[in-house]
Amino acid sequence: MKRILYVSIIGAAALLLSCDTGKKATDSEVVNKVILSRHSIRKYKERQVPKDTLDIIIKAGINAPSAKNNQPWEVRVIQNQDLLEKIKATGGSFHNAPSLIVIANDTANPYGEFDCGLLSQNIMLSAESFNLGTCALGNLARAINNNTPEAAEVRKELNFSPGYK
């Protein structure tokens, strides 16, 4: 009898502990709303993203998971109009966004591109939570890595570590 009572108490405790308090549902609704509402934006307002907002967005990005926690990325935030013009001169299209976040991955890391994708997704979702539009730009990466004098100048100014592309 004691054993049945003990098992019943454990079962009741497990049921009580698994009950939803409502807070988790609210948090999950917010997260899912952000995920489902994010889409690519190709027309931007001319105003800069405030530094404190960018700091939060970048923090969300660099807290992305990575294989063995290697974090094989370097991140640059560009709001300087002269550098944005140089990037445009490489042939890279960024739809005249006033702010760019450029991510380079460690080319020696076999999981670097995948891990940078996770970082990128965190950045885009965090930006969405601030009602900021984003667009992943593969063509921009290709343009910056071209063998042209314009692209070489941009890479020099971005100052990524050797082996990062």
C-alpha atoms as a PDB file:
ATOM      1  CA  MET A   1       0.000   0.000   0.000  1.00  0.00           C
ATOM      2  CA  LYS A   2       2.825   2.399   0.869  1.00  0.00           C
ATOM      3  CA  ARG A   3       4.451   1.614  -2.484  1.00  0.00           C
ATOM      4  CA  ILE A   4       1.244   2.415  -4.412  1.00  0.00           C
ATOM      5  CA  LEU A   5       0.828   5.669  -2.477  1.00  0.00           C
ATOM      6  CA  TYR A   6       4.489   6.589  -3.182  1.00  0.00           C
ATOM      7  CA  VAL A   7       4.093   5.887  -6.922  1.00  0.00           C
ATOM      8  CA  SER A   8       0.853   7.902  -6.965  1.00  0.00           C
ATOM      9  CA  ILE A   9       2.539  10.870  -5.292  1.00  0.00           C
ATOM     10  CA  ILE A  10       5.428  10.702  -7.781  1.00  0.00           C
ATOM     11  CA  GLY A  11       2.932  10.528 -10.657  1.00  0.00           C
ATOM     12  CA  ALA A  12       0.932  13.468  -9.311  1.00  0.00           C
ATOM     13  CA  ALA A  13       4.117  15.483  -8.801  1.00  0.00           C
ATOM     14  CA  ALA A  14       5.227  14.735 -12.364  1.00  0.00           C
ATOM     15  CA  LEU A  15       1.857  15.877 -13.703  1.00  0.00           C
ATOM     16  CA  LEU A  16       1.960  19.081 -11.671  1.00  0.00           C
ATOM     17  CA  LEU A  17       5.510  19.862 -12.743  1.00  0.00           C
ATOM     18  CA  SER A  18       4.644  19.370 -16.397  1.00  0.00           C
ATOM     19  CA  CYS A  19       1.673  21.760 -16.291  1.00  0.00           C
ATOM     20  CA  ASP A  20       2.050  24.806 -18.487  1.00  0.00           C
ATOM     21  CA  THR A  21       1.996  28.075 -16.556  1.00  0.00           C
ATOM     22  CA  GLY A  22       1.055  30.132 -19.616  1.00  0.00           C
ATOM     23  CA  LYS A  23       4.341  32.081 -19.672  1.00  0.00           C
ATOM     24  CA  LYS A  24       6.060  29.492 -21.860  1.00  0.00           C
ATOM     25  CA  ALA A  25       3.190  29.577 -24.335  1.00  0.00           C
ATOM     26  CA  THR A  26       3.469  33.363 -24.535  1.00  0.00           C
ATOM     27  CA  ASP A  27       7.236  33.189 -25.070  1.00  0.00           C
ATOM     28  CA  SER A  28       6.857  30.495 -27.706  1.00  0.00           C
ATOM     29  CA  GLU A  29       4.181  32.508 -29.483  1.00  0.00           C
ATOM     30  CA  VAL A  30       6.490  35.521 -29.613  1.00  0.00           C
ATOM     31  CA  VAL A  31       9.410  33.468 -30.915  1.00  0.00           C
ATOM     32  CA  ASN A  32       7.285  31.755 -33.544  1.00  0.00           C
ATOM     33  CA  LYS A  33       5.726  35.055 -34.612  1.00  0.00           C
ATOM     34  CA  VAL A  34       9.209  36.478 -35.234  1.00  0.00           C
ATOM     35  CA  ILE A  35      10.292  33.368 -37.152  1.00  0.00           C
ATOM     36  CA  LEU A  36       7.148  33.277 -39.283  1.00  0.00           C
ATOM     37  CA  SER A  37       7.058  37.018 -39.994  1.00  0.00           C
ATOM     38  CA  ARG A  38      10.681  37.334 -41.183  1.00  0.00           C
ATOM     39  CA  HIS A  39      11.060  37.737 -44.910  1.00  0.00           C
ATOM     40  CA  SER A  40      13.607  39.309 -47.223  1.00  0.00           C
ATOM     41  CA  ILE A  41      13.405  43.080 -47.592  1.00  0.00           C
ATOM     42  CA  ARG A  42      14.929  44.839 -50.563  1.00  0.00           C
ATOM     43  CA  LYS A  43      13.864  48.431 -49.954  1.00  0.00           C
ATOM     44  CA  TYR A  44      15.251  50.208 -46.915  1.00  0.00           C
ATOM     45  CA  LYS A  45      14.750  53.488 -45.128  1.00  0.00           C
ATOM     46  CA  GLU A  46      17.763  55.800 -45.166  1.00  0.00           C
ATOM     47  CA  ARG A  47      18.191  55.929 -41.390  1.00  0.00           C
ATOM     48  CA  GLN A  48      20.971  54.081 -39.600  1.00  0.00           C
ATOM     49  CA  VAL A  49      20.256  51.348 -37.090  1.00  0.00           C
ATOM     50  CA  PRO A  50      21.123  52.664 -33.597  1.00  0.00           C
ATOM     51  CA  LYS A  51      24.340  51.294 -32.095  1.00  0.00           C
ATOM     52  CA  ASP A  52      22.633  49.813 -29.020  1.00  0.00           C
ATOM     53  CA  THR A  53      20.196  47.927 -31.262  1.00  0.00           C
ATOM     54  CA  LEU A  54      23.040  46.673 -33.462  1.00  0.00           C
ATOM     55  CA  ASP A  55      24.915  45.526 -30.355  1.00  0.00           C
ATOM     56  CA  ILE A  56      21.947  43.394 -29.291  1.00  0.00           C
ATOM     57  CA  ILE A  57      21.548  41.973 -32.808  1.00  0.00           C
ATOM     58  CA  ILE A  58      25.245  41.093 -33.050  1.00  0.00           C
ATOM     59  CA  LYS A  59      25.180  39.548 -29.570  1.00  0.00           C
ATOM     60  CA  ALA A  60      22.270  37.355 -30.671  1.00  0.00           C
ATOM     61  CA  GLY A  61      24.259  36.366 -33.746  1.00  0.00           C
ATOM     62  CA  ILE A  62      27.481  35.434 -32.019  1.00  0.00           C
ATOM     63  CA  ASN A  63      25.561  33.354 -29.514  1.00  0.00           C
ATOM     64  CA  ALA A  64      24.549  30.988 -32.308  1.00  0.00           C
ATOM     65  CA  PRO A  65      25.616  27.383 -31.872  1.00  0.00           C
ATOM     66  CA  SER A  66      28.704  26.233 -33.735  1.00  0.00           C
ATOM     67  CA  ALA A  67      30.445  22.885 -34.134  1.00  0.00           C
ATOM     68  CA  LYS A  68      32.561  22.253 -31.042  1.00  0.00           C
ATOM     69  CA  ASN A  69      31.863  25.896 -30.100  1.00  0.00           C
ATOM     70  CA  ASN A  70      34.648  26.960 -32.488  1.00  0.00           C
ATOM     71  CA  GLN A  71      32.739  30.085 -33.538  1.00  0.00           C
ATOM     72  CA  PRO A  72      34.462  30.179 -36.950  1.00  0.00           C
ATOM     73  CA  TRP A  73      33.321  33.659 -37.871  1.00  0.00           C
ATOM     74  CA  GLU A  74      34.315  37.276 -37.922  1.00  0.00           C
ATOM     75  CA  VAL A  75      31.650  39.956 -38.136  1.00  0.00           C
ATOM     76  CA  ARG A  76      31.873  43.524 -39.410  1.00  0.00           C
ATOM     77  CA  VAL A  77      29.133  46.135 -39.161  1.00  0.00           C
ATOM     78  CA  ILE A  78      29.360  48.749 -41.887  1.00  0.00           C
ATOM     79  CA  GLN A  79      27.545  52.063 -41.727  1.00  0.00           C
ATOM     80  CA  ASN A  80      30.283  54.214 -43.245  1.00  0.00           C
ATOM     81  CA  GLN A  81      28.937  55.670 -46.486  1.00  0.00           C
ATOM     82  CA  ASP A  82      32.359  55.704 -48.196  1.00  0.00           C
ATOM     83  CA  LEU A  83      32.874  51.997 -47.532  1.00  0.00           C
ATOM     84  CA  LEU A  84      29.309  51.223 -48.616  1.00  0.00           C
ATOM     85  CA  GLU A  85      30.058  52.985 -51.921  1.00  0.00           C
ATOM     86  CA  LYS A  86      33.251  50.935 -52.341  1.00  0.00           C
ATOM     87  CA  ILE A  87      31.271  47.759 -51.723  1.00  0.00           C
ATOM     88  CA  LYS A  88      28.728  48.855 -54.319  1.00  0.00           C
ATOM     89  CA  ALA A  89      31.629  49.392 -56.771  1.00  0.00           C
ATOM     90  CA  THR A  90      32.539  45.683 -56.478  1.00  0.00           C
ATOM     91  CA  GLY A  91      29.263  44.848 -58.181  1.00  0.00           C
ATOM     92  CA  GLY A  92      27.671  43.599 -54.999  1.00  0.00           C
ATOM     93  CA  SER A  93      24.039  44.519 -54.594  1.00  0.00           C
ATOM     94  CA  PHE A  94      22.725  45.377 -51.154  1.00  0.00           C
ATOM     95  CA  HIS A  95      19.656  47.381 -52.160  1.00  0.00           C
ATOM     96  CA  ASN A  96      21.100  50.597 -50.690  1.00  0.00           C
ATOM     97  CA  ALA A  97      20.740  49.382 -47.123  1.00  0.00           C
ATOM     98  CA  PRO A  98      22.261  51.997 -44.791  1.00  0.00           C
ATOM     99  CA  SER A  99      23.790  49.281 -42.604  1.00  0.00           C
ATOM    100  CA  LEU A 100      25.486  46.051 -43.612  1.00  0.00           C
ATOM    101  CA  ILE A 101      26.602  43.155 -41.467  1.00  0.00           C
ATOM    102  CA  VAL A 102      29.348  41.246 -43.258  1.00  0.00           C
ATOM    103  CA  ILE A 103      30.266  37.781 -42.014  1.00  0.00           C
ATOM    104  CA  ALA A 104      33.433  35.898 -42.921  1.00  0.00           C
ATOM    105  CA  ASN A 105      34.017  32.255 -42.114  1.00  0.00           C
ATOM    106  CA  ASP A 106      37.184  30.379 -41.283  1.00  0.00           C
ATOM    107  CA  THR A 107      37.832  28.554 -44.555  1.00  0.00           C
ATOM    108  CA  ALA A 108      39.959  25.952 -42.739  1.00  0.00           C
ATOM    109  CA  ASN A 109      36.962  24.898 -40.639  1.00  0.00           C
ATOM    110  CA  PRO A 110      34.885  22.236 -42.432  1.00  0.00           C
ATOM    111  CA  TYR A 111      31.748  23.421 -40.620  1.00  0.00           C
ATOM    112  CA  GLY A 112      32.451  27.143 -40.981  1.00  0.00           C
ATOM    113  CA  GLU A 113      29.907  27.882 -43.698  1.00  0.00           C
ATOM    114  CA  PHE A 114      27.171  25.974 -41.871  1.00  0.00           C
ATOM    115  CA  ASP A 115      27.996  27.671 -38.572  1.00  0.00           C
ATOM    116  CA  CYS A 116      27.968  31.099 -40.248  1.00  0.00           C
ATOM    117  CA  GLY A 117      24.516  30.242 -41.585  1.00  0.00           C
ATOM    118  CA  LEU A 118      23.340  29.713 -38.009  1.00  0.00           C
ATOM    119  CA  LEU A 119      24.894  33.030 -36.991  1.00  0.00           C
ATOM    120  CA  SER A 120      23.207  34.744 -39.950  1.00  0.00           C
ATOM    121  CA  GLN A 121      19.818  33.326 -39.047  1.00  0.00           C
ATOM    122  CA  ASN A 122      20.159  34.542 -35.455  1.00  0.00           C
ATOM    123  CA  ILE A 123      21.071  38.011 -36.745  1.00  0.00           C
ATOM    124  CA  MET A 124      18.101  38.127 -39.112  1.00  0.00           C
ATOM    125  CA  LEU A 125      15.645  36.916 -36.466  1.00  0.00           C
ATOM    126  CA  SER A 126      16.971  39.356 -33.882  1.00  0.00           C
ATOM    127  CA  ALA A 127      16.672  42.193 -36.405  1.00  0.00           C
ATOM    128  CA  GLU A 128      13.103  41.108 -37.138  1.00  0.00           C
ATOM    129  CA  SER A 129      12.309  41.332 -33.426  1.00  0.00           C
ATOM    130  CA  PHE A 130      13.185  45.052 -33.704  1.00  0.00           C
ATOM    131  CA  ASN A 131      11.030  45.367 -36.855  1.00  0.00           C
ATOM    132  CA  LEU A 132      14.159  45.777 -38.963  1.00  0.00           C
ATOM    133  CA  GLY A 133      14.188  44.254 -42.415  1.00  0.00           C
ATOM    134  CA  THR A 134      17.017  42.015 -43.597  1.00  0.00           C
ATOM    135  CA  CYS A 135      18.090  40.148 -46.690  1.00  0.00           C
ATOM    136  CA  ALA A 136      20.767  37.456 -46.939  1.00  0.00           C
ATOM    137  CA  LEU A 137      23.087  38.491 -49.778  1.00  0.00           C
ATOM    138  CA  GLY A 138      25.116  35.691 -51.319  1.00  0.00           C
ATOM    139  CA  ASN A 139      25.936  37.809 -54.373  1.00  0.00           C
ATOM    140  CA  LEU A 140      27.578  40.403 -52.138  1.00  0.00           C
ATOM    141  CA  ALA A 141      29.943  37.792 -50.699  1.00  0.00           C
ATOM    142  CA  ARG A 142      30.854  36.680 -54.216  1.00  0.00           C
ATOM    143  CA  ALA A 143      31.501  40.277 -55.307  1.00  0.00           C
ATOM    144  CA  ILE A 144      33.703  41.070 -52.297  1.00  0.00           C
ATOM    145  CA  ASN A 145      35.763  37.937 -52.928  1.00  0.00           C
ATOM    146  CA  ASN A 146      36.305  38.616 -56.648  1.00  0.00           C
ATOM    147  CA  ASN A 147      39.824  39.190 -57.958  1.00  0.00           C
ATOM    148  CA  THR A 148      39.288  42.841 -58.842  1.00  0.00           C
ATOM    149  CA  PRO A 149      41.089  45.911 -57.495  1.00  0.00           C
ATOM    150  CA  GLU A 150      37.780  47.208 -56.060  1.00  0.00           C
ATOM    151  CA  ALA A 151      37.128  43.973 -54.176  1.00  0.00           C
ATOM    152  CA  ALA A 152      40.721  43.845 -52.909  1.00  0.00           C
ATOM    153  CA  GLU A 153      40.316  47.372 -51.506  1.00  0.00           C
ATOM    154  CA  VAL A 154      37.088  46.398 -49.724  1.00  0.00           C
ATOM    155  CA  ARG A 155      38.687  43.250 -48.260  1.00  0.00           C
ATOM    156  CA  LYS A 156      41.585  45.366 -47.007  1.00  0.00           C
ATOM    157  CA  GLU A 157      39.194  47.764 -45.262  1.00  0.00           C
ATOM    158  CA  LEU A 158      37.146  44.932 -43.774  1.00  0.00           C
ATOM    159  CA  ASN A 159      40.394  43.589 -42.315  1.00  0.00           C
ATOM    160  CA  PHE A 160      39.350  39.969 -41.861  1.00  0.00           C
ATOM    161  CA  SER A 161      41.965  37.623 -40.447  1.00  0.00           C
ATOM    162  CA  PRO A 162      43.974  35.490 -42.892  1.00  0.00           C
ATOM    163  CA  GLY A 163      41.992  32.411 -43.891  1.00  0.00           C
ATOM    164  CA  TYR A 164      38.618  34.097 -43.382  1.00  0.00           C
ATOM    165  CA  LYS A 165      36.490  34.703 -46.433  1.00  0.00           C
END
